[in-house]
Amino acid sequence: MPELPDVEGFREVLETCAKGRVIERVDVRDAGVLHGVSARRLRGALEGRRFTRPERLGKWLLAHTGDGPTLMLHFGMTGLLVCGHSDDAPEAHDRVLFTVGGGRQVRYRDQRKLQGVWLAEDDSELARLLDEQGPDAMAVDREEFMAALSARRGRVKTVLTDQSVLAGLGNLLADEILWRAGLPPTTRASDLTEAELRRLYTHMGRTLRSAVTAGRVPPRDSWLTGHRDDTDPVCPRCDGPLRRRRMSGRTTVWCPRCQPEGS
């Protein structure tokens, strides 16, 4: 499931593959991933323009074209961005292909098609489409983070993954950050003390920096992520059994010994 570190990696793919290059051709192989834009309009808006420096906001990748429209990509559960060659045969799940100068091709690849591609014609439309996004988890300052969480009565795990509160965190990151901070996912965000909020913010930053360097949430042995899918998962810190529970429709994993209730 692409989260902030994955999308940051896709931003680097787009930058190294296509930045400064003319978009020569747009091939929509599956219009089912287009939102609010037709294949014809997408081609007409982008062909002949240049990709400039891409930007990431939370789980969104924004492919700017200078003073032209912005291509907006969201990767849902299974999306990828791949740099290939225009002569390479497309793969089964390559939905939209962007051929740029030098024979390079940026491919939006997605098996399940839960999200897709949008087009913002100008800054006002871009702002409208991103209106419900909270501050980016990598850029938010501590005071804004603490204010946002303390104002929410929901469980802290649910609040952390709410993109309108904080953009970029998904299921794996939220579990990892809470485990590192020693906070149970069931605690109400509004019940966290100032010290707990500070600790949570610190561990969020450390976790994100490590994950961005790795290009994903890495399943390391020293991380909770490295054990959450084991048959009989144990905590890499205390060797106690991990607990699983569905929370807001997602599997939540935590260590009841390291993240005790009332901690």
C-alpha atoms as a PDB file:
ATOM      1  CA  MET A   1       0.000   0.000   0.000  1.00  0.00           C
ATOM      2  CA  PRO A   2       1.785   3.188  -1.106  1.00  0.00           C
ATOM      3  CA  GLU A   3       2.254   5.624   1.759  1.00  0.00           C
ATOM      4  CA  LEU A   4       4.283   8.820   2.034  1.00  0.00           C
ATOM      5  CA  PRO A   5       7.725   7.156   1.579  1.00  0.00           C
ATOM      6  CA  ASP A   6       6.577   5.286  -1.526  1.00  0.00           C
ATOM      7  CA  VAL A   7       5.116   8.416  -3.110  1.00  0.00           C
ATOM      8  CA  GLU A   8       8.297  10.324  -2.319  1.00  0.00           C
ATOM      9  CA  GLY A   9      10.080   7.584  -4.258  1.00  0.00           C
ATOM     10  CA  PHE A  10       7.643   8.011  -7.157  1.00  0.00           C
ATOM     11  CA  ARG A  11       8.374  11.746  -7.069  1.00  0.00           C
ATOM     12  CA  GLU A  12      12.054  10.944  -7.548  1.00  0.00           C
ATOM     13  CA  VAL A  13      11.197   8.563 -10.407  1.00  0.00           C
ATOM     14  CA  LEU A  14       9.273  11.317 -12.177  1.00  0.00           C
ATOM     15  CA  GLU A  15      11.988  13.887 -11.557  1.00  0.00           C
ATOM     16  CA  THR A  16      14.855  11.744 -12.842  1.00  0.00           C
ATOM     17  CA  CYS A  17      12.889  10.265 -15.732  1.00  0.00           C
ATOM     18  CA  ALA A  18      10.977  13.242 -17.079  1.00  0.00           C
ATOM     19  CA  LYS A  19      11.845  16.584 -15.504  1.00  0.00           C
ATOM     20  CA  GLY A  20      12.527  19.172 -18.215  1.00  0.00           C
ATOM     21  CA  ARG A  21      11.467  16.814 -21.000  1.00  0.00           C
ATOM     22  CA  VAL A  22       8.684  17.454 -23.514  1.00  0.00           C
ATOM     23  CA  ILE A  23       5.605  15.267 -23.182  1.00  0.00           C
ATOM     24  CA  GLU A  24       5.444  13.849 -26.695  1.00  0.00           C
ATOM     25  CA  ARG A  25       2.535  11.453 -26.303  1.00  0.00           C
ATOM     26  CA  VAL A  26      -0.065  10.440 -23.731  1.00  0.00           C
ATOM     27  CA  ASP A  27      -1.546   6.968 -24.162  1.00  0.00           C
ATOM     28  CA  VAL A  28      -4.555   6.166 -22.003  1.00  0.00           C
ATOM     29  CA  ARG A  29      -4.842   2.382 -22.013  1.00  0.00           C
ATOM     30  CA  ASP A  30      -7.593   2.319 -19.393  1.00  0.00           C
ATOM     31  CA  ALA A  31      -9.842   5.356 -18.985  1.00  0.00           C
ATOM     32  CA  GLY A  32     -11.179   3.818 -15.770  1.00  0.00           C
ATOM     33  CA  VAL A  33      -8.343   5.487 -13.845  1.00  0.00           C
ATOM     34  CA  LEU A  34      -9.247   8.984 -15.088  1.00  0.00           C
ATOM     35  CA  HIS A  35     -11.244  11.240 -12.761  1.00  0.00           C
ATOM     36  CA  GLY A  36     -12.987  14.351 -14.057  1.00  0.00           C
ATOM     37  CA  VAL A  37     -11.025  14.330 -17.300  1.00  0.00           C
ATOM     38  CA  SER A  38     -11.388  12.444 -20.575  1.00  0.00           C
ATOM     39  CA  ALA A  39      -8.532  10.774 -22.407  1.00  0.00           C
ATOM     40  CA  ARG A  40      -8.859  13.320 -25.200  1.00  0.00           C
ATOM     41  CA  ARG A  41      -8.710  16.270 -22.831  1.00  0.00           C
ATOM     42  CA  LEU A  42      -5.746  14.785 -20.971  1.00  0.00           C
ATOM     43  CA  ARG A  43      -3.796  14.385 -24.202  1.00  0.00           C
ATOM     44  CA  GLY A  44      -4.680  17.861 -25.415  1.00  0.00           C
ATOM     45  CA  ALA A  45      -3.706  19.473 -22.124  1.00  0.00           C
ATOM     46  CA  LEU A  46      -0.344  17.748 -21.730  1.00  0.00           C
ATOM     47  CA  GLU A  47       1.136  16.901 -25.116  1.00  0.00           C
ATOM     48  CA  GLY A  48       3.747  19.446 -26.146  1.00  0.00           C
ATOM     49  CA  ARG A  49       4.335  20.718 -22.614  1.00  0.00           C
ATOM     50  CA  ARG A  50       7.275  19.959 -20.339  1.00  0.00           C
ATOM     51  CA  PHE A  51       7.261  18.304 -16.968  1.00  0.00           C
ATOM     52  CA  THR A  52       8.851  20.620 -14.422  1.00  0.00           C
ATOM     53  CA  ARG A  53       9.850  19.830 -10.840  1.00  0.00           C
ATOM     54  CA  PRO A  54       7.320  17.414  -9.307  1.00  0.00           C
ATOM     55  CA  GLU A  55       5.891  17.874  -5.843  1.00  0.00           C
ATOM     56  CA  ARG A  56       4.443  15.529  -3.253  1.00  0.00           C
ATOM     57  CA  LEU A  57       1.681  16.344  -0.779  1.00  0.00           C
ATOM     58  CA  GLY A  58       0.865  13.459   1.504  1.00  0.00           C
ATOM     59  CA  LYS A  59       0.023  10.541  -0.769  1.00  0.00           C
ATOM     60  CA  TRP A  60      -0.509  12.785  -3.826  1.00  0.00           C
ATOM     61  CA  LEU A  61       2.093  13.252  -6.551  1.00  0.00           C
ATOM     62  CA  LEU A  62       1.773  16.554  -8.404  1.00  0.00           C
ATOM     63  CA  ALA A  63       3.373  16.606 -11.849  1.00  0.00           C
ATOM     64  CA  HIS A  64       3.598  20.276 -12.762  1.00  0.00           C
ATOM     65  CA  THR A  65       4.060  21.578 -16.302  1.00  0.00           C
ATOM     66  CA  GLY A  66       5.286  25.110 -15.606  1.00  0.00           C
ATOM     67  CA  ASP A  67       2.468  27.572 -16.209  1.00  0.00           C
ATOM     68  CA  GLY A  68       0.324  24.783 -17.660  1.00  0.00           C
ATOM     69  CA  PRO A  69      -1.951  22.254 -15.931  1.00  0.00           C
ATOM     70  CA  THR A  70      -0.870  19.925 -13.138  1.00  0.00           C
ATOM     71  CA  LEU A  71      -1.195  16.177 -13.494  1.00  0.00           C
ATOM     72  CA  MET A  72      -2.309  14.700 -10.163  1.00  0.00           C
ATOM     73  CA  LEU A  73      -1.576  11.060  -9.372  1.00  0.00           C
ATOM     74  CA  HIS A  74      -2.852   9.014  -6.439  1.00  0.00           C
ATOM     75  CA  PHE A  75      -1.744   5.414  -6.031  1.00  0.00           C
ATOM     76  CA  GLY A  76      -4.459   3.870  -3.871  1.00  0.00           C
ATOM     77  CA  MET A  77      -3.582   0.377  -2.669  1.00  0.00           C
ATOM     78  CA  THR A  78      -1.539  -0.984  -5.567  1.00  0.00           C
ATOM     79  CA  GLY A  79      -0.362   1.925  -7.708  1.00  0.00           C
ATOM     80  CA  LEU A  80       3.181   2.454  -8.959  1.00  0.00           C
ATOM     81  CA  LEU A  81       5.075   4.926 -11.109  1.00  0.00           C
ATOM     82  CA  VAL A  82       7.674   3.354 -13.367  1.00  0.00           C
ATOM     83  CA  CYS A  83      10.282   4.814 -15.723  1.00  0.00           C
ATOM     84  CA  GLY A  84      10.706   2.760 -18.864  1.00  0.00           C
ATOM     85  CA  HIS A  85      11.535   3.053 -22.545  1.00  0.00           C
ATOM     86  CA  SER A  86       8.955   3.887 -25.173  1.00  0.00           C
ATOM     87  CA  ASP A  87       9.904   0.770 -27.145  1.00  0.00           C
ATOM     88  CA  ASP A  88       9.200  -1.550 -24.219  1.00  0.00           C
ATOM     89  CA  ALA A  89       5.936  -3.468 -24.384  1.00  0.00           C
ATOM     90  CA  PRO A  90       3.390  -2.262 -21.795  1.00  0.00           C
ATOM     91  CA  GLU A  91       2.577  -4.528 -18.889  1.00  0.00           C
ATOM     92  CA  ALA A  92      -0.952  -5.687 -18.116  1.00  0.00           C
ATOM     93  CA  HIS A  93      -1.600  -3.076 -15.427  1.00  0.00           C
ATOM     94  CA  ASP A  94       0.006  -0.087 -17.173  1.00  0.00           C
ATOM     95  CA  ARG A  95      -2.997   2.275 -17.310  1.00  0.00           C
ATOM     96  CA  VAL A  96      -1.538   5.548 -18.650  1.00  0.00           C
ATOM     97  CA  LEU A  97       1.764   6.035 -20.488  1.00  0.00           C
ATOM     98  CA  PHE A  98       3.539   9.389 -20.797  1.00  0.00           C
ATOM     99  CA  THR A  99       6.214   9.332 -23.492  1.00  0.00           C
ATOM    100  CA  VAL A 100       8.768  12.112 -23.073  1.00  0.00           C
ATOM    101  CA  GLY A 101      11.841  13.224 -24.965  1.00  0.00           C
ATOM    102  CA  GLY A 102      14.773  10.865 -25.290  1.00  0.00           C
ATOM    103  CA  GLY A 103      12.574   7.802 -25.679  1.00  0.00           C
ATOM    104  CA  ARG A 104      11.692   7.646 -22.006  1.00  0.00           C
ATOM    105  CA  GLN A 105       8.268   6.696 -20.794  1.00  0.00           C
ATOM    106  CA  VAL A 106       6.605   7.297 -17.421  1.00  0.00           C
ATOM    107  CA  ARG A 107       4.040   4.622 -16.654  1.00  0.00           C
ATOM    108  CA  TYR A 108       1.186   4.842 -14.183  1.00  0.00           C
ATOM    109  CA  ARG A 109       0.679   1.205 -13.213  1.00  0.00           C
ATOM    110  CA  ASP A 110      -2.125   0.025 -10.944  1.00  0.00           C
ATOM    111  CA  GLN A 111      -3.728  -3.358 -10.520  1.00  0.00           C
ATOM    112  CA  ARG A 112      -6.825  -2.527  -8.486  1.00  0.00           C
ATOM    113  CA  LYS A 113      -7.549   0.986  -9.808  1.00  0.00           C
ATOM    114  CA  LEU A 114      -8.826   2.355  -6.492  1.00  0.00           C
ATOM    115  CA  GLN A 115      -7.530   5.854  -7.226  1.00  0.00           C
ATOM    116  CA  GLY A 116      -5.959   7.191 -10.406  1.00  0.00           C
ATOM    117  CA  VAL A 117      -5.313  10.371 -12.378  1.00  0.00           C
ATOM    118  CA  TRP A 118      -6.741  13.888 -12.129  1.00  0.00           C
ATOM    119  CA  LEU A 119      -5.919  17.086 -14.025  1.00  0.00           C
ATOM    120  CA  ALA A 120      -5.904  20.549 -12.451  1.00  0.00           C
ATOM    121  CA  GLU A 121      -6.026  23.267 -15.098  1.00  0.00           C
ATOM    122  CA  ASP A 122      -4.739  25.999 -12.766  1.00  0.00           C
ATOM    123  CA  ASP A 123      -3.731  26.730  -9.178  1.00  0.00           C
ATOM    124  CA  SER A 124      -7.295  27.381  -8.040  1.00  0.00           C
ATOM    125  CA  GLU A 125      -8.481  23.999  -9.304  1.00  0.00           C
ATOM    126  CA  LEU A 126      -5.449  22.340  -7.733  1.00  0.00           C
ATOM    127  CA  ALA A 127      -6.289  23.967  -4.403  1.00  0.00           C
ATOM    128  CA  ARG A 128      -9.914  22.852  -4.720  1.00  0.00           C
ATOM    129  CA  LEU A 129      -8.948  19.234  -5.383  1.00  0.00           C
ATOM    130  CA  LEU A 130      -6.572  19.243  -2.418  1.00  0.00           C
ATOM    131  CA  ASP A 131      -8.890  21.211  -0.152  1.00  0.00           C
ATOM    132  CA  GLU A 132      -9.569  18.308   2.206  1.00  0.00           C
ATOM    133  CA  GLN A 133      -5.894  17.453   2.710  1.00  0.00           C
ATOM    134  CA  GLY A 134      -4.284  18.252   6.023  1.00  0.00           C
ATOM    135  CA  PRO A 135      -0.675  19.381   6.378  1.00  0.00           C
ATOM    136  CA  ASP A 136       1.978  17.036   5.022  1.00  0.00           C
ATOM    137  CA  ALA A 137       3.321  14.712   7.716  1.00  0.00           C
ATOM    138  CA  MET A 138       6.926  15.456   6.719  1.00  0.00           C
ATOM    139  CA  ALA A 139       6.451  19.229   6.811  1.00  0.00           C
ATOM    140  CA  VAL A 140       4.057  19.841   9.702  1.00  0.00           C
ATOM    141  CA  ASP A 141       5.602  21.614  12.684  1.00  0.00           C
ATOM    142  CA  ARG A 142       5.205  20.324  16.218  1.00  0.00           C
ATOM    143  CA  GLU A 143       2.752  22.967  17.384  1.00  0.00           C
ATOM    144  CA  GLU A 144       0.421  22.423  14.424  1.00  0.00           C
ATOM    145  CA  PHE A 145       0.651  18.660  14.885  1.00  0.00           C
ATOM    146  CA  MET A 146      -0.180  18.844  18.579  1.00  0.00           C
ATOM    147  CA  ALA A 147      -3.072  21.223  18.016  1.00  0.00           C
ATOM    148  CA  ALA A 148      -4.548  19.046  15.256  1.00  0.00           C
ATOM    149  CA  LEU A 149      -4.465  15.843  17.305  1.00  0.00           C
ATOM    150  CA  SER A 150      -5.597  17.308  20.611  1.00  0.00           C
ATOM    151  CA  ALA A 151      -8.724  18.642  18.904  1.00  0.00           C
ATOM    152  CA  ARG A 152      -9.839  15.150  17.806  1.00  0.00           C
ATOM    153  CA  ARG A 153     -11.801  12.747  19.967  1.00  0.00           C
ATOM    154  CA  GLY A 154     -11.256   9.682  17.771  1.00  0.00           C
ATOM    155  CA  ARG A 155      -8.741   6.929  18.475  1.00  0.00           C
ATOM    156  CA  VAL A 156      -5.221   8.109  17.798  1.00  0.00           C
ATOM    157  CA  LYS A 157      -4.613   5.410  15.153  1.00  0.00           C
ATOM    158  CA  THR A 158      -7.686   6.554  13.232  1.00  0.00           C
ATOM    159  CA  VAL A 159      -6.746  10.215  13.579  1.00  0.00           C
ATOM    160  CA  LEU A 160      -3.190   9.649  12.324  1.00  0.00           C
ATOM    161  CA  THR A 161      -4.473   7.973   9.158  1.00  0.00           C
ATOM    162  CA  ASP A 162      -7.141  10.615   8.494  1.00  0.00           C
ATOM    163  CA  GLN A 163      -5.761  12.533   5.509  1.00  0.00           C
ATOM    164  CA  SER A 164      -7.775  15.619   6.440  1.00  0.00           C
ATOM    165  CA  VAL A 165      -5.857  15.801   9.728  1.00  0.00           C
ATOM    166  CA  LEU A 166      -2.411  14.795   8.500  1.00  0.00           C
ATOM    167  CA  ALA A 167      -1.519  13.892   4.924  1.00  0.00           C
ATOM    168  CA  GLY A 168       0.697  10.946   4.104  1.00  0.00           C
ATOM    169  CA  LEU A 169       0.392   8.394   6.899  1.00  0.00           C
ATOM    170  CA  GLY A 170      -1.170   5.032   6.183  1.00  0.00           C
ATOM    171  CA  ASN A 171      -1.767   1.853   8.117  1.00  0.00           C
ATOM    172  CA  LEU A 172       1.827   0.608   8.369  1.00  0.00           C
ATOM    173  CA  LEU A 173       3.322   3.955   9.290  1.00  0.00           C
ATOM    174  CA  ALA A 174       0.717   4.721  11.933  1.00  0.00           C
ATOM    175  CA  ASP A 175       1.230   1.356  13.658  1.00  0.00           C
ATOM    176  CA  GLU A 176       5.015   1.736  13.482  1.00  0.00           C
ATOM    177  CA  ILE A 177       5.007   5.268  14.894  1.00  0.00           C
ATOM    178  CA  LEU A 178       2.654   4.397  17.754  1.00  0.00           C
ATOM    179  CA  TRP A 179       4.736   1.339  18.653  1.00  0.00           C
ATOM    180  CA  ARG A 180       7.916   3.408  18.743  1.00  0.00           C
ATOM    181  CA  ALA A 181       6.202   6.059  20.842  1.00  0.00           C
ATOM    182  CA  GLY A 182       4.831   3.432  23.267  1.00  0.00           C
ATOM    183  CA  LEU A 183       1.243   4.579  22.799  1.00  0.00           C
ATOM    184  CA  PRO A 184      -1.734   2.229  22.343  1.00  0.00           C
ATOM    185  CA  PRO A 185      -3.689   2.794  19.119  1.00  0.00           C
ATOM    186  CA  THR A 186      -7.003   2.790  20.987  1.00  0.00           C
ATOM    187  CA  THR A 187      -6.265   5.915  23.041  1.00  0.00           C
ATOM    188  CA  ARG A 188      -8.363   8.937  22.144  1.00  0.00           C
ATOM    189  CA  ALA A 189      -6.192  11.572  20.515  1.00  0.00           C
ATOM    190  CA  SER A 190      -7.738  14.277  22.691  1.00  0.00           C
ATOM    191  CA  ASP A 191      -6.685  12.358  25.825  1.00  0.00           C
ATOM    192  CA  LEU A 192      -2.980  12.392  24.978  1.00  0.00           C
ATOM    193  CA  THR A 193      -0.870  14.511  27.287  1.00  0.00           C
ATOM    194  CA  GLU A 194       1.442  17.219  25.999  1.00  0.00           C
ATOM    195  CA  ALA A 195       4.428  14.964  26.721  1.00  0.00           C
ATOM    196  CA  GLU A 196       2.839  12.088  24.788  1.00  0.00           C
ATOM    197  CA  LEU A 197       2.065  14.334  21.822  1.00  0.00           C
ATOM    198  CA  ARG A 198       5.653  15.570  21.776  1.00  0.00           C
ATOM    199  CA  ARG A 199       6.931  12.005  21.906  1.00  0.00           C
ATOM    200  CA  LEU A 200       4.577  10.971  19.112  1.00  0.00           C
ATOM    201  CA  TYR A 201       5.727  13.867  16.930  1.00  0.00           C
ATOM    202  CA  THR A 202       9.397  13.022  17.512  1.00  0.00           C
ATOM    203  CA  HIS A 203       8.932   9.370  16.586  1.00  0.00           C
ATOM    204  CA  MET A 204       6.848  10.275  13.549  1.00  0.00           C
ATOM    205  CA  GLY A 205       9.706  12.380  12.190  1.00  0.00           C
ATOM    206  CA  ARG A 206      12.335   9.716  12.863  1.00  0.00           C
ATOM    207  CA  THR A 207      10.209   6.956  11.333  1.00  0.00           C
ATOM    208  CA  LEU A 208       9.414   8.978   8.231  1.00  0.00           C
ATOM    209  CA  ARG A 209      13.035   9.939   7.632  1.00  0.00           C
ATOM    210  CA  SER A 210      14.129   6.302   7.820  1.00  0.00           C
ATOM    211  CA  ALA A 211      11.270   5.121   5.620  1.00  0.00           C
ATOM    212  CA  VAL A 212      11.850   7.799   2.978  1.00  0.00           C
ATOM    213  CA  THR A 213      15.512   6.781   2.792  1.00  0.00           C
ATOM    214  CA  ALA A 214      14.414   3.178   2.257  1.00  0.00           C
ATOM    215  CA  GLY A 215      11.758   4.187  -0.291  1.00  0.00           C
ATOM    216  CA  ARG A 216       8.997   2.396   1.620  1.00  0.00           C
ATOM    217  CA  VAL A 217       8.030   1.288   5.101  1.00  0.00           C
ATOM    218  CA  PRO A 218      10.807  -1.290   5.433  1.00  0.00           C
ATOM    219  CA  PRO A 219      10.020  -4.724   6.931  1.00  0.00           C
ATOM    220  CA  ARG A 220      13.170  -4.716   9.062  1.00  0.00           C
ATOM    221  CA  ASP A 221      13.605  -7.175  11.931  1.00  0.00           C
ATOM    222  CA  SER A 222      13.978  -4.270  14.357  1.00  0.00           C
ATOM    223  CA  TRP A 223      10.694  -2.695  13.182  1.00  0.00           C
ATOM    224  CA  LEU A 224       7.157  -3.680  14.056  1.00  0.00           C
ATOM    225  CA  THR A 225       6.502  -3.769  10.311  1.00  0.00           C
ATOM    226  CA  GLY A 226       8.943  -6.648   9.960  1.00  0.00           C
ATOM    227  CA  HIS A 227       6.808  -8.890  12.167  1.00  0.00           C
ATOM    228  CA  ARG A 228       3.191  -7.829  11.754  1.00  0.00           C
ATOM    229  CA  ASP A 229       2.465 -10.484   9.111  1.00  0.00           C
ATOM    230  CA  ASP A 230       4.176 -13.378  10.907  1.00  0.00           C
ATOM    231  CA  THR A 231       2.016 -16.368  11.783  1.00  0.00           C
ATOM    232  CA  ASP A 232       2.661 -15.854  15.494  1.00  0.00           C
ATOM    233  CA  PRO A 233       4.005 -12.299  15.605  1.00  0.00           C
ATOM    234  CA  VAL A 234       6.133 -11.192  18.524  1.00  0.00           C
ATOM    235  CA  CYS A 235       7.377  -7.745  19.449  1.00  0.00           C
ATOM    236  CA  PRO A 236      10.969  -7.088  18.312  1.00  0.00           C
ATOM    237  CA  ARG A 237      11.498  -4.996  21.455  1.00  0.00           C
ATOM    238  CA  CYS A 238      10.185  -7.205  24.277  1.00  0.00           C
ATOM    239  CA  ASP A 239       9.493 -10.565  22.533  1.00  0.00           C
ATOM    240  CA  GLY A 240       5.936 -10.464  23.811  1.00  0.00           C
ATOM    241  CA  PRO A 241       3.029 -11.468  21.555  1.00  0.00           C
ATOM    242  CA  LEU A 242       1.641  -8.805  19.259  1.00  0.00           C
ATOM    243  CA  ARG A 243      -2.085  -8.144  19.122  1.00  0.00           C
ATOM    244  CA  ARG A 244      -4.188  -7.665  15.988  1.00  0.00           C
ATOM    245  CA  ARG A 245      -7.525  -5.909  15.732  1.00  0.00           C
ATOM    246  CA  ARG A 246      -9.665  -4.342  13.030  1.00  0.00           C
ATOM    247  CA  MET A 247      -9.937  -0.617  13.578  1.00  0.00           C
ATOM    248  CA  SER A 248     -11.828   1.618  11.146  1.00  0.00           C
ATOM    249  CA  GLY A 249     -11.730  -1.214   8.649  1.00  0.00           C
ATOM    250  CA  ARG A 250      -7.955  -1.709   8.873  1.00  0.00           C
ATOM    251  CA  THR A 251      -5.834  -4.319  10.579  1.00  0.00           C
ATOM    252  CA  THR A 252      -4.079  -2.682  13.507  1.00  0.00           C
ATOM    253  CA  VAL A 253      -1.075  -4.335  15.136  1.00  0.00           C
ATOM    254  CA  TRP A 254       0.489  -3.335  18.461  1.00  0.00           C
ATOM    255  CA  CYS A 255       2.323  -4.689  21.484  1.00  0.00           C
ATOM    256  CA  PRO A 256       0.125  -4.598  24.614  1.00  0.00           C
ATOM    257  CA  ARG A 257       3.249  -4.803  26.794  1.00  0.00           C
ATOM    258  CA  CYS A 258       5.154  -1.928  25.135  1.00  0.00           C
ATOM    259  CA  GLN A 259       1.980   0.071  24.418  1.00  0.00           C
ATOM    260  CA  PRO A 260      -0.098  -0.455  27.553  1.00  0.00           C
ATOM    261  CA  GLU A 261      -3.469   1.124  28.029  1.00  0.00           C
ATOM    262  CA  GLY A 262      -3.245   4.163  30.241  1.00  0.00           C
ATOM    263  CA  SER A 263       0.437   4.627  29.397  1.00  0.00           C
END
